[in-house]
Amino acid sequence: MKKFIYILFSLFIIPFSYSLGNSQIVQERIDDPREKILELSKKKWAWIIDRQMGSLEVLFDEQIISSSPAIRMDKREHLDVIKNGNIRYSQIHILETEVQLVDNISTLLSKVEFNTPGKKELSEVKYVTEVYKKTDNNWKLLFIRINPV
């Protein structure tokens, strides 16, 4: 009888309690909205370099405002500039980031190095502000502003 109880305990109770203890760790890692925003921003830069228009179309909110000191664009204008190759980067390095989260709005402040292709590759460091809004369990980019350092 002792052997039966030991087998029952080792087959059901130990694995069940182990899975309960570890399920919280996995959920916390996946559900951290700050990490999600950082990852989404990194993907956005890769999509811009690779001109993955479908992914950018989904990410950009219909009401997005994209601006720099000289230009202000809506969603269609921003996507057209990327699609036509007017924005060309060979590499983008994120140097610093800070994420603020209030309810379903997240602000990401970054210092980013942009490298442009050519015979003589140029490098520029700029400050980037991004605002994301969570709707229907998805984050959408509402605002992006790029300023020189």
N, C-alpha and C. Protein backbone atom coordinates (compact mmCIF):
# COMPACT_ATOMS: atom_id res chain seq x y z
N MET A 1 0.82 -1.19 0.00
CA MET A 1 0.00 0.00 0.00
C MET A 1 0.87 1.26 0.00
N LYS A 2 1.97 1.24 0.79
CA LYS A 2 2.88 2.39 0.82
C LYS A 2 3.48 2.64 -0.56
N LYS A 3 3.79 1.57 -1.24
CA LYS A 3 4.37 1.68 -2.57
C LYS A 3 3.37 2.33 -3.53
N PHE A 4 2.11 1.95 -3.42
CA PHE A 4 1.06 2.53 -4.26
C PHE A 4 0.90 4.03 -4.01
N ILE A 5 0.89 4.42 -2.76
CA ILE A 5 0.76 5.84 -2.40
C ILE A 5 1.98 6.62 -2.89
N TYR A 6 3.15 6.06 -2.77
CA TYR A 6 4.37 6.72 -3.25
C TYR A 6 4.32 6.93 -4.77
N ILE A 7 3.89 5.90 -5.50
CA ILE A 7 3.78 6.00 -6.95
C ILE A 7 2.74 7.05 -7.33
N LEU A 8 1.58 7.02 -6.67
CA LEU A 8 0.53 8.00 -6.92
C LEU A 8 1.04 9.41 -6.66
N PHE A 9 1.73 9.59 -5.55
CA PHE A 9 2.28 10.89 -5.19
C PHE A 9 3.29 11.38 -6.23
N SER A 10 4.20 10.51 -6.62
CA SER A 10 5.25 10.91 -7.56
C SER A 10 4.71 11.14 -8.98
N LEU A 11 3.66 10.43 -9.37
CA LEU A 11 3.12 10.60 -10.71
C LEU A 11 2.20 11.81 -10.86
N PHE A 12 1.48 12.16 -9.81
CA PHE A 12 0.47 13.21 -9.97
C PHE A 12 0.74 14.46 -9.14
N ILE A 13 1.06 14.33 -7.92
CA ILE A 13 1.17 15.48 -7.02
C ILE A 13 2.42 16.31 -7.31
N ILE A 14 3.58 15.69 -7.43
CA ILE A 14 4.83 16.43 -7.66
C ILE A 14 4.79 17.17 -9.01
N PRO A 15 4.46 16.51 -10.12
CA PRO A 15 4.42 17.26 -11.39
C PRO A 15 3.37 18.37 -11.38
N PHE A 16 2.22 18.15 -10.75
CA PHE A 16 1.18 19.17 -10.69
C PHE A 16 1.66 20.40 -9.92
N SER A 17 2.27 20.20 -8.77
CA SER A 17 2.74 21.34 -7.98
C SER A 17 3.89 22.04 -8.68
N TYR A 18 4.74 21.31 -9.39
CA TYR A 18 5.83 21.92 -10.15
C TYR A 18 5.28 22.81 -11.26
N SER A 19 4.27 22.32 -11.98
CA SER A 19 3.70 23.11 -13.07
C SER A 19 3.01 24.36 -12.54
N LEU A 20 2.39 24.29 -11.40
CA LEU A 20 1.76 25.48 -10.82
C LEU A 20 2.80 26.55 -10.50
N GLY A 21 3.90 26.12 -9.95
CA GLY A 21 4.95 27.07 -9.58
C GLY A 21 5.59 27.73 -10.78
N ASN A 22 5.73 27.02 -11.89
CA ASN A 22 6.41 27.56 -13.06
C ASN A 22 5.49 28.31 -14.02
N SER A 23 4.19 28.10 -13.95
CA SER A 23 3.30 28.77 -14.89
C SER A 23 3.29 30.28 -14.67
N GLN A 24 3.45 30.72 -13.44
CA GLN A 24 3.48 32.15 -13.16
C GLN A 24 4.69 32.82 -13.79
N ILE A 25 5.83 32.17 -13.77
CA ILE A 25 7.05 32.74 -14.32
C ILE A 25 6.88 32.99 -15.82
N VAL A 26 6.33 32.01 -16.53
CA VAL A 26 6.14 32.13 -17.97
C VAL A 26 5.17 33.27 -18.28
N GLN A 27 4.07 33.35 -17.55
CA GLN A 27 3.07 34.38 -17.80
C GLN A 27 3.65 35.77 -17.56
N GLU A 28 4.41 35.96 -16.50
CA GLU A 28 4.98 37.28 -16.21
C GLU A 28 5.92 37.73 -17.31
N ARG A 29 6.72 36.83 -17.82
CA ARG A 29 7.67 37.18 -18.87
C ARG A 29 6.96 37.58 -20.16
N ILE A 30 5.91 36.88 -20.51
CA ILE A 30 5.19 37.14 -21.75
C ILE A 30 4.32 38.39 -21.64
N ASP A 31 3.72 38.62 -20.50
CA ASP A 31 2.73 39.68 -20.35
C ASP A 31 3.29 41.04 -19.96
N ASP A 32 4.59 41.22 -19.89
CA ASP A 32 5.15 42.51 -19.50
C ASP A 32 4.98 43.49 -20.66
N PRO A 33 4.08 44.47 -20.52
CA PRO A 33 3.82 45.38 -21.64
C PRO A 33 5.02 46.23 -22.04
N ARG A 34 5.89 46.54 -21.09
CA ARG A 34 7.08 47.33 -21.44
C ARG A 34 7.99 46.56 -22.38
N GLU A 35 8.19 45.29 -22.09
CA GLU A 35 9.00 44.44 -22.97
C GLU A 35 8.33 44.27 -24.33
N LYS A 36 7.01 44.17 -24.33
CA LYS A 36 6.28 44.04 -25.58
C LYS A 36 6.48 45.28 -26.45
N ILE A 37 6.44 46.47 -25.86
CA ILE A 37 6.63 47.72 -26.61
C ILE A 37 8.05 47.80 -27.15
N LEU A 38 9.04 47.45 -26.34
CA LEU A 38 10.44 47.46 -26.80
C LEU A 38 10.63 46.52 -27.98
N GLU A 39 10.06 45.32 -27.87
CA GLU A 39 10.18 44.34 -28.94
C GLU A 39 9.45 44.82 -30.21
N LEU A 40 8.28 45.40 -30.04
CA LEU A 40 7.52 45.91 -31.18
C LEU A 40 8.26 47.04 -31.88
N SER A 41 8.89 47.91 -31.11
CA SER A 41 9.66 49.00 -31.70
C SER A 41 10.86 48.47 -32.50
N LYS A 42 11.55 47.47 -31.94
CA LYS A 42 12.68 46.87 -32.66
C LYS A 42 12.21 46.25 -33.98
N LYS A 43 11.07 45.55 -33.92
CA LYS A 43 10.53 44.94 -35.13
C LYS A 43 10.17 46.02 -36.16
N LYS A 44 9.60 47.13 -35.68
CA LYS A 44 9.21 48.22 -36.58
C LYS A 44 10.41 48.71 -37.37
N TRP A 45 11.56 48.92 -36.70
CA TRP A 45 12.76 49.39 -37.41
C TRP A 45 13.21 48.36 -38.44
N ALA A 46 13.15 47.08 -38.09
CA ALA A 46 13.53 46.02 -39.05
C ALA A 46 12.57 46.02 -40.23
N TRP A 47 11.28 46.21 -39.96
CA TRP A 47 10.29 46.25 -41.05
C TRP A 47 10.54 47.44 -41.96
N ILE A 48 10.95 48.57 -41.40
CA ILE A 48 11.24 49.75 -42.21
C ILE A 48 12.45 49.47 -43.11
N ILE A 49 13.51 48.90 -42.55
CA ILE A 49 14.70 48.58 -43.35
C ILE A 49 14.35 47.62 -44.48
N ASP A 50 13.54 46.59 -44.17
CA ASP A 50 13.19 45.57 -45.15
C ASP A 50 11.96 45.92 -45.98
N ARG A 51 11.37 47.07 -45.73
CA ARG A 51 10.15 47.53 -46.41
C ARG A 51 9.04 46.48 -46.35
N GLN A 52 8.79 45.98 -45.16
CA GLN A 52 7.70 45.01 -44.95
C GLN A 52 6.40 45.80 -44.74
N MET A 53 5.80 46.20 -45.83
CA MET A 53 4.67 47.12 -45.81
C MET A 53 3.44 46.53 -45.11
N GLY A 54 3.20 45.25 -45.25
CA GLY A 54 2.04 44.63 -44.60
C GLY A 54 2.12 44.73 -43.09
N SER A 55 3.30 44.45 -42.55
CA SER A 55 3.49 44.53 -41.09
C SER A 55 3.35 45.96 -40.60
N LEU A 56 3.91 46.92 -41.35
CA LEU A 56 3.80 48.32 -40.96
C LEU A 56 2.36 48.82 -41.07
N GLU A 57 1.65 48.37 -42.09
CA GLU A 57 0.24 48.73 -42.27
C GLU A 57 -0.58 48.33 -41.04
N VAL A 58 -0.31 47.14 -40.53
CA VAL A 58 -1.03 46.65 -39.35
C VAL A 58 -0.61 47.42 -38.10
N LEU A 59 0.66 47.72 -37.97
CA LEU A 59 1.17 48.40 -36.78
C LEU A 59 0.70 49.85 -36.68
N PHE A 60 0.70 50.56 -37.79
CA PHE A 60 0.35 51.98 -37.78
C PHE A 60 -1.16 52.14 -37.59
N ASP A 61 -1.54 52.92 -36.59
CA ASP A 61 -2.93 53.26 -36.38
C ASP A 61 -3.41 54.15 -37.52
N GLU A 62 -4.70 54.14 -37.79
CA GLU A 62 -5.25 54.98 -38.87
C GLU A 62 -5.02 56.46 -38.59
N GLN A 63 -4.92 56.85 -37.32
CA GLN A 63 -4.76 58.25 -36.94
C GLN A 63 -3.31 58.63 -36.65
N ILE A 64 -2.34 57.79 -37.06
CA ILE A 64 -0.94 58.04 -36.74
C ILE A 64 -0.49 59.41 -37.25
N ILE A 65 0.36 60.03 -36.45
CA ILE A 65 1.04 61.25 -36.86
C ILE A 65 2.53 60.94 -36.81
N SER A 66 3.20 61.19 -37.92
CA SER A 66 4.63 60.97 -38.02
C SER A 66 5.26 62.32 -38.32
N SER A 67 6.26 62.70 -37.53
CA SER A 67 6.83 64.02 -37.76
C SER A 67 8.32 64.07 -37.44
N SER A 68 8.94 65.04 -38.06
CA SER A 68 10.31 65.44 -37.77
C SER A 68 10.27 66.96 -37.79
N PRO A 69 11.37 67.63 -37.51
CA PRO A 69 11.30 69.10 -37.49
C PRO A 69 10.77 69.72 -38.78
N ALA A 70 10.96 69.07 -39.92
CA ALA A 70 10.56 69.69 -41.19
C ALA A 70 9.33 69.05 -41.83
N ILE A 71 8.89 67.88 -41.38
CA ILE A 71 7.85 67.13 -42.08
C ILE A 71 6.81 66.60 -41.09
N ARG A 72 5.55 66.60 -41.53
CA ARG A 72 4.47 65.97 -40.78
C ARG A 72 3.70 65.11 -41.76
N MET A 73 3.50 63.81 -41.43
CA MET A 73 2.84 62.90 -42.35
C MET A 73 1.73 62.13 -41.65
N ASP A 74 0.72 61.73 -42.43
CA ASP A 74 -0.29 60.82 -41.91
C ASP A 74 0.13 59.38 -42.27
N LYS A 75 -0.74 58.44 -42.02
CA LYS A 75 -0.41 57.02 -42.24
C LYS A 75 -0.03 56.75 -43.70
N ARG A 76 -0.88 57.15 -44.62
CA ARG A 76 -0.63 56.86 -46.03
C ARG A 76 0.66 57.49 -46.51
N GLU A 77 0.91 58.75 -46.14
CA GLU A 77 2.13 59.44 -46.56
C GLU A 77 3.37 58.75 -46.00
N HIS A 78 3.32 58.37 -44.72
CA HIS A 78 4.47 57.71 -44.11
C HIS A 78 4.75 56.37 -44.80
N LEU A 79 3.71 55.58 -45.03
CA LEU A 79 3.90 54.29 -45.71
C LEU A 79 4.43 54.47 -47.13
N ASP A 80 3.95 55.49 -47.82
CA ASP A 80 4.43 55.75 -49.18
C ASP A 80 5.91 56.13 -49.20
N VAL A 81 6.34 56.93 -48.22
CA VAL A 81 7.75 57.33 -48.14
C VAL A 81 8.64 56.11 -47.93
N ILE A 82 8.20 55.19 -47.08
CA ILE A 82 8.98 53.96 -46.83
C ILE A 82 8.96 53.08 -48.08
N LYS A 83 7.79 52.88 -48.66
CA LYS A 83 7.64 52.01 -49.83
C LYS A 83 8.48 52.50 -51.02
N ASN A 84 8.50 53.81 -51.24
CA ASN A 84 9.22 54.38 -52.38
C ASN A 84 10.73 54.48 -52.16
N GLY A 85 11.20 54.10 -51.00
CA GLY A 85 12.63 54.12 -50.74
C GLY A 85 13.17 55.48 -50.33
N ASN A 86 12.29 56.42 -50.01
CA ASN A 86 12.77 57.73 -49.56
C ASN A 86 13.37 57.67 -48.16
N ILE A 87 12.97 56.68 -47.40
CA ILE A 87 13.62 56.41 -46.11
C ILE A 87 14.45 55.16 -46.34
N ARG A 88 15.78 55.31 -46.26
CA ARG A 88 16.68 54.18 -46.48
C ARG A 88 17.70 54.12 -45.37
N TYR A 89 17.69 53.00 -44.67
CA TYR A 89 18.68 52.76 -43.63
C TYR A 89 19.29 51.38 -43.87
N SER A 90 20.60 51.27 -43.67
CA SER A 90 21.23 49.96 -43.76
C SER A 90 21.22 49.27 -42.40
N GLN A 91 21.30 50.06 -41.34
CA GLN A 91 21.27 49.53 -39.98
C GLN A 91 20.67 50.58 -39.05
N ILE A 92 20.04 50.08 -38.00
CA ILE A 92 19.52 50.95 -36.95
C ILE A 92 19.93 50.34 -35.63
N HIS A 93 20.59 51.14 -34.80
CA HIS A 93 21.03 50.68 -33.48
C HIS A 93 20.31 51.49 -32.41
N ILE A 94 19.61 50.80 -31.54
CA ILE A 94 18.95 51.47 -30.42
C ILE A 94 19.97 51.59 -29.30
N LEU A 95 20.29 52.82 -28.93
CA LEU A 95 21.34 53.08 -27.95
C LEU A 95 20.79 53.18 -26.52
N GLU A 96 19.65 53.83 -26.36
CA GLU A 96 19.03 54.00 -25.05
C GLU A 96 17.53 53.96 -25.22
N THR A 97 16.82 53.46 -24.20
CA THR A 97 15.37 53.47 -24.23
C THR A 97 14.80 53.74 -22.85
N GLU A 98 13.62 54.32 -22.84
CA GLU A 98 12.85 54.52 -21.61
C GLU A 98 11.39 54.35 -21.97
N VAL A 99 10.69 53.49 -21.24
CA VAL A 99 9.29 53.21 -21.51
C VAL A 99 8.44 53.70 -20.34
N GLN A 100 7.41 54.44 -20.66
CA GLN A 100 6.40 54.86 -19.68
C GLN A 100 5.08 54.21 -20.07
N LEU A 101 4.35 53.72 -19.08
CA LEU A 101 3.09 53.05 -19.34
C LEU A 101 2.02 53.61 -18.43
N VAL A 102 0.94 54.13 -19.02
CA VAL A 102 -0.21 54.62 -18.26
C VAL A 102 -1.46 54.04 -18.90
N ASP A 103 -2.14 53.18 -18.17
CA ASP A 103 -3.33 52.49 -18.67
C ASP A 103 -3.02 51.80 -20.00
N ASN A 104 -3.67 52.19 -21.07
CA ASN A 104 -3.46 51.52 -22.36
C ASN A 104 -2.62 52.37 -23.32
N ILE A 105 -1.87 53.32 -22.77
CA ILE A 105 -0.98 54.17 -23.58
C ILE A 105 0.46 53.96 -23.12
N SER A 106 1.35 53.78 -24.06
CA SER A 106 2.76 53.61 -23.75
C SER A 106 3.58 54.61 -24.56
N THR A 107 4.52 55.25 -23.89
CA THR A 107 5.43 56.18 -24.55
C THR A 107 6.83 55.60 -24.47
N LEU A 108 7.49 55.56 -25.62
CA LEU A 108 8.85 55.04 -25.70
C LEU A 108 9.76 56.17 -26.17
N LEU A 109 10.73 56.51 -25.35
CA LEU A 109 11.73 57.51 -25.70
C LEU A 109 13.03 56.77 -25.97
N SER A 110 13.63 57.02 -27.13
CA SER A 110 14.83 56.29 -27.52
C SER A 110 15.88 57.22 -28.09
N LYS A 111 17.11 56.80 -27.95
CA LYS A 111 18.23 57.42 -28.65
C LYS A 111 18.68 56.37 -29.66
N VAL A 112 18.63 56.74 -30.94
CA VAL A 112 18.82 55.75 -32.00
C VAL A 112 19.89 56.22 -32.98
N GLU A 113 20.73 55.29 -33.40
CA GLU A 113 21.74 55.58 -34.43
C GLU A 113 21.24 55.01 -35.75
N PHE A 114 21.10 55.88 -36.75
CA PHE A 114 20.66 55.49 -38.09
C PHE A 114 21.87 55.49 -39.01
N ASN A 115 22.08 54.38 -39.71
CA ASN A 115 23.16 54.28 -40.70
C ASN A 115 22.52 54.21 -42.08
N THR A 116 22.97 55.07 -42.98
CA THR A 116 22.44 55.09 -44.34
C THR A 116 23.46 54.47 -45.29
N PRO A 117 22.98 53.73 -46.29
CA PRO A 117 23.89 53.04 -47.19
C PRO A 117 24.50 54.01 -48.21
N GLY A 118 25.55 53.59 -48.81
CA GLY A 118 26.21 54.37 -49.86
C GLY A 118 27.68 54.06 -49.90
N LYS A 119 28.40 54.74 -50.80
CA LYS A 119 29.86 54.55 -50.88
C LYS A 119 30.50 54.86 -49.54
N LYS A 120 30.03 55.92 -48.95
CA LYS A 120 30.52 56.32 -47.63
C LYS A 120 29.32 56.28 -46.68
N GLU A 121 29.22 55.20 -45.90
CA GLU A 121 28.06 55.05 -45.03
C GLU A 121 28.03 56.16 -43.99
N LEU A 122 26.87 56.80 -43.89
CA LEU A 122 26.71 57.90 -42.95
C LEU A 122 25.97 57.41 -41.71
N SER A 123 26.30 58.02 -40.58
CA SER A 123 25.67 57.66 -39.33
C SER A 123 25.15 58.92 -38.64
N GLU A 124 23.91 58.85 -38.18
CA GLU A 124 23.29 59.96 -37.45
C GLU A 124 22.63 59.43 -36.19
N VAL A 125 22.82 60.13 -35.08
CA VAL A 125 22.14 59.78 -33.85
C VAL A 125 20.98 60.76 -33.67
N LYS A 126 19.79 60.19 -33.37
CA LYS A 126 18.60 61.02 -33.21
C LYS A 126 17.79 60.53 -32.01
N TYR A 127 16.97 61.44 -31.48
CA TYR A 127 16.01 61.07 -30.44
C TYR A 127 14.69 60.72 -31.12
N VAL A 128 14.08 59.63 -30.66
CA VAL A 128 12.82 59.18 -31.23
C VAL A 128 11.80 59.04 -30.11
N THR A 129 10.62 59.61 -30.33
CA THR A 129 9.50 59.46 -29.40
C THR A 129 8.42 58.67 -30.12
N GLU A 130 7.96 57.60 -29.49
CA GLU A 130 6.90 56.78 -30.05
C GLU A 130 5.78 56.65 -29.02
N VAL A 131 4.54 56.75 -29.47
CA VAL A 131 3.39 56.56 -28.59
C VAL A 131 2.56 55.42 -29.16
N TYR A 132 2.31 54.43 -28.31
CA TYR A 132 1.51 53.27 -28.69
C TYR A 132 0.23 53.24 -27.87
N LYS A 133 -0.84 52.73 -28.47
CA LYS A 133 -2.11 52.57 -27.77
C LYS A 133 -2.57 51.13 -27.92
N LYS A 134 -2.99 50.54 -26.81
CA LYS A 134 -3.48 49.16 -26.85
C LYS A 134 -4.98 49.17 -27.10
N THR A 135 -5.38 48.54 -28.20
CA THR A 135 -6.79 48.38 -28.53
C THR A 135 -7.02 46.94 -28.96
N ASP A 136 -8.07 46.35 -28.44
CA ASP A 136 -8.40 44.96 -28.78
C ASP A 136 -7.20 44.02 -28.60
N ASN A 137 -6.47 44.21 -27.51
CA ASN A 137 -5.34 43.36 -27.14
C ASN A 137 -4.15 43.47 -28.10
N ASN A 138 -4.11 44.51 -28.95
CA ASN A 138 -2.99 44.76 -29.86
C ASN A 138 -2.48 46.18 -29.66
N TRP A 139 -1.19 46.37 -29.80
CA TRP A 139 -0.60 47.69 -29.70
C TRP A 139 -0.51 48.31 -31.09
N LYS A 140 -0.94 49.56 -31.20
CA LYS A 140 -0.88 50.31 -32.46
C LYS A 140 -0.02 51.55 -32.25
N LEU A 141 0.76 51.89 -33.25
CA LEU A 141 1.60 53.09 -33.19
C LEU A 141 0.75 54.30 -33.56
N LEU A 142 0.63 55.24 -32.61
CA LEU A 142 -0.18 56.45 -32.81
C LEU A 142 0.65 57.65 -33.22
N PHE A 143 1.90 57.69 -32.77
CA PHE A 143 2.71 58.89 -32.96
C PHE A 143 4.18 58.50 -32.99
N ILE A 144 4.92 59.08 -33.93
CA ILE A 144 6.37 58.91 -33.96
C ILE A 144 6.98 60.25 -34.36
N ARG A 145 7.96 60.66 -33.59
CA ARG A 145 8.67 61.92 -33.88
C ARG A 145 10.16 61.64 -33.79
N ILE A 146 10.90 62.11 -34.80
CA ILE A 146 12.35 61.94 -34.85
C ILE A 146 12.98 63.33 -34.82
N ASN A 147 13.85 63.54 -33.82
CA ASN A 147 14.54 64.82 -33.66
C ASN A 147 16.04 64.61 -33.65
N PRO A 148 16.79 65.56 -34.20
CA PRO A 148 18.24 65.46 -34.11
C PRO A 148 18.69 65.61 -32.66
N VAL A 149 19.85 65.06 -32.36
CA VAL A 149 20.40 65.17 -31.00
C VAL A 149 20.93 66.57 -30.78
